[in-house]
């Protein structure tokens, strides 16, 4: 399953909503038998990186969104959450 474009509006940030939403997605995926949840975020979304890593996602790769992204060294980070026996 892919988690795509999760966002919390500025006025509601800092209240744990993104963490709750992400946990809900993980529960939804697990309940439906998905073995893995993947997502992509950018190098500038540091808070998102901390959130995902704090929830147990592993960074599994990087890429560039375009030739311009390559020239500017603007990277996308790819994350993966694998459900295991103890999750």
N, C-alpha and C. Protein backbone atom coordinates (compact mmCIF):
# COMPACT_ATOMS: atom_id res chain seq x y z
N UNK A 1 0.86 -1.17 0.00
CA UNK A 1 0.00 0.00 0.00
C UNK A 1 0.90 1.23 0.00
N UNK A 2 0.46 2.26 -0.68
CA UNK A 2 1.23 3.51 -0.72
C UNK A 2 0.48 4.62 0.00
N UNK A 3 1.18 5.29 0.90
CA UNK A 3 0.66 6.48 1.56
C UNK A 3 1.08 7.66 0.70
N UNK A 4 0.09 8.40 0.21
CA UNK A 4 0.39 9.46 -0.75
C UNK A 4 -0.18 10.79 -0.30
N UNK A 5 0.66 11.78 -0.28
CA UNK A 5 0.28 13.17 -0.06
C UNK A 5 -0.51 13.43 1.22
N UNK A 6 0.01 12.96 2.32
CA UNK A 6 -0.61 13.27 3.60
C UNK A 6 -0.17 14.67 4.02
N UNK A 7 -1.12 15.48 4.43
CA UNK A 7 -0.80 16.85 4.84
C UNK A 7 -1.78 17.29 5.91
N UNK A 8 -1.27 18.08 6.84
CA UNK A 8 -2.10 18.70 7.88
C UNK A 8 -1.92 20.21 7.71
N UNK A 9 -3.03 20.94 7.68
CA UNK A 9 -2.94 22.38 7.47
C UNK A 9 -2.13 23.04 8.60
N UNK A 10 -1.50 24.13 8.26
CA UNK A 10 -0.60 24.81 9.20
C UNK A 10 -1.25 25.10 10.55
N UNK A 11 -2.49 25.54 10.52
CA UNK A 11 -3.13 25.92 11.79
C UNK A 11 -3.42 24.73 12.70
N UNK A 12 -3.31 23.51 12.17
CA UNK A 12 -3.58 22.33 12.99
C UNK A 12 -2.33 21.49 13.27
N UNK A 13 -1.18 21.97 12.84
CA UNK A 13 0.06 21.22 13.07
C UNK A 13 0.49 21.31 14.52
N UNK A 14 1.29 20.33 14.92
CA UNK A 14 1.82 20.31 16.28
C UNK A 14 0.88 19.71 17.31
N UNK A 15 -0.19 19.10 16.85
CA UNK A 15 -1.18 18.51 17.76
C UNK A 15 -1.21 16.98 17.69
N UNK A 16 -0.30 16.42 16.92
CA UNK A 16 -0.26 14.96 16.81
C UNK A 16 -1.19 14.38 15.75
N UNK A 17 -1.80 15.24 14.94
CA UNK A 17 -2.75 14.76 13.93
C UNK A 17 -2.06 13.91 12.86
N UNK A 18 -0.90 14.35 12.39
CA UNK A 18 -0.18 13.58 11.36
C UNK A 18 0.20 12.21 11.89
N UNK A 19 0.67 12.16 13.13
CA UNK A 19 1.03 10.88 13.74
C UNK A 19 -0.20 9.97 13.84
N UNK A 20 -1.32 10.54 14.27
CA UNK A 20 -2.56 9.75 14.39
C UNK A 20 -3.03 9.27 13.02
N UNK A 21 -2.97 10.14 12.03
CA UNK A 21 -3.38 9.75 10.67
C UNK A 21 -2.49 8.63 10.14
N UNK A 22 -1.20 8.76 10.35
CA UNK A 22 -0.27 7.74 9.87
C UNK A 22 -0.50 6.40 10.58
N UNK A 23 -0.74 6.45 11.87
CA UNK A 23 -1.05 5.21 12.60
C UNK A 23 -2.34 4.58 12.08
N UNK A 24 -3.30 5.41 11.74
CA UNK A 24 -4.57 4.92 11.19
C UNK A 24 -4.33 4.22 9.85
N UNK A 25 -3.49 4.81 9.02
CA UNK A 25 -3.14 4.20 7.73
C UNK A 25 -2.47 2.85 7.96
N UNK A 26 -1.53 2.79 8.90
CA UNK A 26 -0.86 1.52 9.19
C UNK A 26 -1.85 0.47 9.68
N UNK A 27 -2.78 0.87 10.54
CA UNK A 27 -3.79 -0.07 11.02
C UNK A 27 -4.71 -0.53 9.90
N UNK A 28 -5.09 0.38 9.04
CA UNK A 28 -5.94 0.07 7.88
C UNK A 28 -5.24 -0.94 6.97
N UNK A 29 -3.98 -0.67 6.67
CA UNK A 29 -3.21 -1.57 5.79
C UNK A 29 -3.05 -2.95 6.41
N UNK A 30 -2.72 -2.97 7.66
CA UNK A 30 -2.51 -4.25 8.35
C UNK A 30 -3.80 -5.06 8.39
N UNK A 31 -4.91 -4.42 8.71
CA UNK A 31 -6.20 -5.11 8.80
C UNK A 31 -6.62 -5.72 7.46
N UNK A 32 -6.10 -5.17 6.38
CA UNK A 32 -6.44 -5.67 5.05
C UNK A 32 -5.38 -6.60 4.48
N UNK A 33 -4.44 -7.00 5.32
CA UNK A 33 -3.46 -7.98 4.92
C UNK A 33 -2.28 -7.46 4.12
N UNK A 34 -2.11 -6.15 4.07
CA UNK A 34 -0.94 -5.60 3.36
C UNK A 34 0.32 -5.91 4.16
N UNK A 35 1.36 -6.27 3.47
CA UNK A 35 2.62 -6.56 4.15
C UNK A 35 3.52 -5.37 4.30
N UNK A 36 3.27 -4.34 3.49
CA UNK A 36 4.17 -3.19 3.44
C UNK A 36 3.41 -1.92 3.13
N UNK A 37 3.86 -0.81 3.72
CA UNK A 37 3.38 0.52 3.34
C UNK A 37 4.60 1.30 2.87
N UNK A 38 4.49 1.94 1.72
CA UNK A 38 5.59 2.73 1.19
C UNK A 38 5.13 4.19 1.03
N UNK A 39 6.10 5.09 1.01
CA UNK A 39 5.81 6.50 0.79
C UNK A 39 7.07 7.20 0.31
N UNK A 40 6.88 8.40 -0.22
CA UNK A 40 7.98 9.23 -0.66
C UNK A 40 7.79 10.63 -0.10
N UNK A 41 8.88 11.22 0.37
CA UNK A 41 8.86 12.60 0.83
C UNK A 41 10.12 13.28 0.32
N UNK A 42 10.18 14.59 0.41
CA UNK A 42 11.34 15.29 -0.13
C UNK A 42 12.35 15.62 0.97
N UNK A 43 13.52 15.99 0.52
CA UNK A 43 14.61 16.30 1.43
C UNK A 43 14.31 17.52 2.31
N UNK A 44 13.42 18.38 1.87
CA UNK A 44 13.11 19.59 2.65
C UNK A 44 12.02 19.34 3.70
N UNK A 45 11.35 18.22 3.64
CA UNK A 45 10.28 17.91 4.59
C UNK A 45 10.86 17.16 5.79
N UNK A 46 11.67 17.86 6.54
CA UNK A 46 12.40 17.26 7.66
C UNK A 46 11.45 16.77 8.75
N UNK A 47 10.40 17.53 9.04
CA UNK A 47 9.44 17.10 10.06
C UNK A 47 8.76 15.80 9.64
N UNK A 48 8.44 15.68 8.37
CA UNK A 48 7.83 14.44 7.86
C UNK A 48 8.80 13.27 7.98
N UNK A 49 10.06 13.51 7.66
CA UNK A 49 11.06 12.45 7.79
C UNK A 49 11.14 11.96 9.24
N UNK A 50 11.17 12.91 10.18
CA UNK A 50 11.22 12.54 11.60
C UNK A 50 9.97 11.76 12.01
N UNK A 51 8.81 12.20 11.53
CA UNK A 51 7.55 11.52 11.84
C UNK A 51 7.61 10.08 11.36
N UNK A 52 7.92 9.87 10.10
CA UNK A 52 7.92 8.52 9.53
C UNK A 52 8.96 7.63 10.20
N UNK A 53 10.15 8.16 10.41
CA UNK A 53 11.19 7.36 11.05
C UNK A 53 10.81 7.03 12.49
N UNK A 54 10.15 7.98 13.17
CA UNK A 54 9.69 7.74 14.54
C UNK A 54 8.61 6.68 14.64
N UNK A 55 7.87 6.48 13.55
CA UNK A 55 6.82 5.46 13.52
C UNK A 55 7.33 4.11 13.03
N UNK A 56 8.61 4.05 12.67
CA UNK A 56 9.19 2.77 12.27
C UNK A 56 9.42 2.58 10.79
N UNK A 57 9.18 3.62 9.98
CA UNK A 57 9.51 3.53 8.56
C UNK A 57 11.03 3.55 8.40
N UNK A 58 11.52 2.83 7.40
CA UNK A 58 12.95 2.83 7.07
C UNK A 58 13.14 3.52 5.75
N UNK A 59 14.17 4.38 5.67
CA UNK A 59 14.51 4.98 4.38
C UNK A 59 15.18 3.91 3.54
N UNK A 60 14.64 3.67 2.35
CA UNK A 60 15.14 2.58 1.51
C UNK A 60 15.75 3.06 0.20
N UNK A 61 15.72 4.35 -0.04
CA UNK A 61 16.32 4.85 -1.27
C UNK A 61 16.11 6.33 -1.46
N UNK A 62 16.77 6.85 -2.47
CA UNK A 62 16.61 8.25 -2.86
C UNK A 62 16.50 8.31 -4.38
N UNK A 63 15.91 9.39 -4.86
CA UNK A 63 15.84 9.62 -6.30
C UNK A 63 15.71 11.12 -6.52
N UNK A 64 15.74 11.50 -7.78
CA UNK A 64 15.55 12.90 -8.18
C UNK A 64 14.26 12.98 -8.99
N UNK A 65 13.44 14.01 -8.77
CA UNK A 65 12.15 14.09 -9.46
C UNK A 65 12.26 14.45 -10.93
N UNK A 66 13.38 15.02 -11.34
CA UNK A 66 13.53 15.50 -12.71
C UNK A 66 14.99 15.80 -12.98
N UNK A 67 15.29 16.17 -14.21
CA UNK A 67 16.64 16.60 -14.55
C UNK A 67 17.00 17.86 -13.75
N UNK A 68 16.05 18.78 -13.65
CA UNK A 68 16.29 19.99 -12.87
C UNK A 68 16.55 19.63 -11.41
N UNK A 69 15.78 18.69 -10.89
CA UNK A 69 16.01 18.23 -9.52
C UNK A 69 17.41 17.68 -9.34
N UNK A 70 17.90 16.96 -10.34
CA UNK A 70 19.26 16.43 -10.30
C UNK A 70 20.27 17.57 -10.29
N UNK A 71 20.09 18.55 -11.15
CA UNK A 71 21.01 19.69 -11.21
C UNK A 71 21.02 20.48 -9.91
N UNK A 72 19.87 20.57 -9.27
CA UNK A 72 19.76 21.30 -8.00
C UNK A 72 20.03 20.43 -6.78
N UNK A 73 20.30 19.15 -7.02
CA UNK A 73 20.50 18.16 -5.95
C UNK A 73 19.29 18.11 -5.01
N UNK A 74 18.10 18.15 -5.60
CA UNK A 74 16.86 18.05 -4.83
C UNK A 74 16.42 16.59 -4.83
N UNK A 75 16.52 15.97 -3.68
CA UNK A 75 16.26 14.54 -3.59
C UNK A 75 14.88 14.22 -3.00
N UNK A 76 14.36 13.10 -3.45
CA UNK A 76 13.19 12.49 -2.85
C UNK A 76 13.67 11.29 -2.05
N UNK A 77 13.11 11.10 -0.88
CA UNK A 77 13.46 9.97 -0.02
C UNK A 77 12.31 8.97 -0.02
N UNK A 78 12.64 7.72 -0.21
CA UNK A 78 11.65 6.65 -0.26
C UNK A 78 11.71 5.87 1.05
N UNK A 79 10.54 5.66 1.63
CA UNK A 79 10.41 4.97 2.91
C UNK A 79 9.56 3.73 2.77
N UNK A 80 9.77 2.81 3.71
CA UNK A 80 9.05 1.54 3.70
C UNK A 80 8.78 1.12 5.14
N UNK A 81 7.57 0.64 5.38
CA UNK A 81 7.20 0.06 6.67
C UNK A 81 6.74 -1.36 6.40
N UNK A 82 7.49 -2.31 6.95
CA UNK A 82 7.13 -3.73 6.78
C UNK A 82 6.48 -4.24 8.06
N UNK A 83 5.34 -4.88 7.90
CA UNK A 83 4.68 -5.49 9.05
C UNK A 83 5.38 -6.78 9.37
N UNK A 84 5.75 -6.95 10.62
CA UNK A 84 6.39 -8.18 11.05
C UNK A 84 5.54 -8.87 12.09
N UNK A 85 6.03 -9.95 12.62
CA UNK A 85 5.28 -10.74 13.61
C UNK A 85 4.97 -9.94 14.86
N UNK A 86 5.87 -9.03 15.26
CA UNK A 86 5.69 -8.32 16.52
C UNK A 86 5.02 -6.98 16.39
N UNK A 87 4.62 -6.55 15.19
CA UNK A 87 4.01 -5.23 15.02
C UNK A 87 2.55 -5.23 15.39
